[in-house]
Protein backbone atom coordinates (compact mmCIF):
# COMPACT_ATOMS: atom_id res chain seq x y z
CA MET A 1 150.46 141.77 152.90
CA SER A 2 154.08 141.52 152.03
CA VAL A 3 155.82 143.14 149.23
CA ILE A 4 156.30 139.71 147.53
CA ASP A 5 152.64 138.87 147.89
CA THR A 6 151.77 142.11 146.25
CA VAL A 7 154.22 141.58 143.35
CA LYS A 8 152.80 138.01 142.75
CA MET A 9 149.18 139.39 142.74
CA LEU A 10 150.40 142.18 140.31
CA GLU A 11 151.92 139.52 138.07
CA LEU A 12 148.88 137.41 138.12
CA ARG A 13 146.65 140.33 137.36
CA THR A 14 148.82 141.42 134.46
CA LYS A 15 148.81 137.78 132.93
CA LYS A 16 144.85 137.87 133.19
CA ALA A 17 144.91 141.30 131.45
CA ALA A 18 147.26 140.00 128.76
CA GLY A 19 145.03 136.89 128.23
CA LEU A 20 141.76 138.99 128.15
CA ILE A 21 143.68 141.58 125.58
CA ALA A 22 144.48 138.51 123.39
CA MET A 23 141.04 137.10 123.54
CA LEU A 24 139.49 140.54 122.67
CA ARG A 25 142.05 140.92 119.86
CA LYS A 26 140.96 137.49 118.40
CA GLU A 27 137.30 138.46 118.74
CA LYS A 28 137.99 141.82 117.01
CA ALA A 29 139.56 140.00 114.14
CA GLU A 30 136.80 137.54 113.70
CA LEU A 31 134.21 140.45 113.75
CA GLN A 32 136.31 142.33 111.20
CA GLU A 33 136.22 139.45 108.94
CA LYS A 34 132.37 139.13 109.26
CA PHE A 35 132.09 142.83 108.65
CA ASP A 36 134.30 142.55 105.41
CA LEU A 37 132.06 139.67 104.20
CA VAL A 38 128.87 141.58 104.97
CA HIS A 39 130.36 144.74 103.29
CA ALA A 40 131.28 142.77 100.05
CA HIS A 41 127.67 141.32 99.98
CA ASN A 42 126.17 144.77 100.51
CA ALA A 43 128.25 146.08 97.62
CA GLU A 44 127.10 143.18 95.50
CA LEU A 45 123.47 143.78 96.39
CA GLU A 46 123.82 147.48 95.54
CA GLU A 47 125.02 146.42 92.20
CA TYR A 48 122.13 144.15 91.66
CA VAL A 49 119.79 147.02 92.74
CA GLU A 50 121.40 149.36 90.24
CA SER A 51 121.09 146.83 87.61
CA PHE A 52 117.35 146.00 88.30
CA GLN A 53 116.61 149.85 88.35
CA THR A 54 118.33 150.29 85.10
CA SER A 55 116.39 147.24 83.46
CA ASN A 56 113.14 148.36 84.98
CA LYS A 57 113.60 151.77 83.41
CA LEU A 58 114.32 150.31 80.11
CA ILE A 59 111.22 148.22 80.19
CA GLU A 60 108.92 151.11 81.38
CA ASP A 61 110.48 153.15 78.41
CA SER A 62 109.73 150.33 75.99
CA ILE A 63 106.13 149.89 77.35
CA ALA A 64 105.51 153.62 77.13
CA GLY A 65 106.82 153.71 73.57
CA ALA A 66 104.69 150.74 72.61
CA MET A 67 101.65 152.52 74.15
CA GLU A 68 102.42 155.65 72.19
CA ASN A 69 102.65 153.62 68.98
CA LEU A 70 99.40 152.01 69.62
CA ALA A 71 97.75 155.22 70.65
CA SER A 72 98.93 156.89 67.24
CA ILE A 73 97.12 154.15 65.19
CA GLU A 74 93.74 155.82 64.13
CA GLY A 75 90.83 153.56 64.26
CA LEU A 76 92.50 150.66 66.14
CA ASP A 77 89.58 150.62 68.72
CA GLU A 78 86.93 150.24 66.11
CA VAL A 79 88.60 147.16 64.55
CA ALA A 80 86.29 144.26 65.22
CA LEU A 81 87.90 141.18 66.85
CA LEU A 82 87.55 137.73 65.16
CA ASP A 83 84.63 135.81 66.54
CA ASP A 84 86.94 133.17 68.07
CA ALA A 85 89.18 135.79 69.66
CA ALA A 86 86.26 137.71 71.04
CA LEU A 87 84.71 134.55 72.54
CA GLU A 88 88.20 133.60 73.91
CA LEU A 89 88.57 137.00 75.44
CA GLU A 90 85.04 136.87 77.03
CA THR A 91 85.76 133.42 78.34
CA ALA A 92 89.06 134.56 79.83
CA ASP A 93 87.50 137.63 81.42
CA GLY A 94 84.70 135.29 82.94
CA PHE A 95 87.26 132.99 84.27
CA THR A 96 89.34 135.66 85.93
CA SER A 97 86.17 137.19 87.53
CA GLY A 98 85.21 133.92 89.11
CA ASP A 99 83.10 132.36 86.56
CA ALA A 100 85.16 129.19 86.29
CA LEU A 101 83.80 125.88 86.75
CA ALA A 102 83.82 124.29 90.26
CA ALA A 103 85.21 120.78 90.54
CA GLU A 104 81.83 119.44 91.21
CA GLU A 105 80.63 120.63 87.83
CA VAL A 106 83.21 118.84 85.68
CA ASP A 107 82.26 115.57 84.21
CA LEU A 108 85.25 113.39 84.37
CA ASP A 109 83.85 110.64 82.32
CA ALA A 110 83.25 113.02 79.46
CA LEU A 111 86.63 114.26 79.67
CA LEU A 112 88.10 110.78 79.62
CA GLU A 113 85.84 109.89 76.61
CA ASP A 114 87.18 112.95 74.74
CA SER A 115 90.80 112.36 75.59
CA PRO A 116 92.97 110.37 73.20
CA ALA A 117 93.87 106.88 73.92
CA LEU A 118 97.42 106.25 75.29
């Protein structure tokens, strides 16, 4: 191989290397932009977490204070509920424990008769 061929091959390789370096720099810049965006979103999410934790702590403290206030009322557990309220609570407890009516048990004609006319 002659000196001229060696120089041409070296020149070709340096051009390829320069092209590869330029491509890698562009890719690095794109990745840096993505990283900066992710970093900004991460900071924003950290602020949300801090705000949520602060709010959650305030709510917990408020509930604890309310429970202490209720516990300080003597005789509260002995107070009888109104008959309607007791019945509603009993019905709600039954509903949440699975005593709700199944769809087959509902009389649609009776519901339509009881509903107001449009």
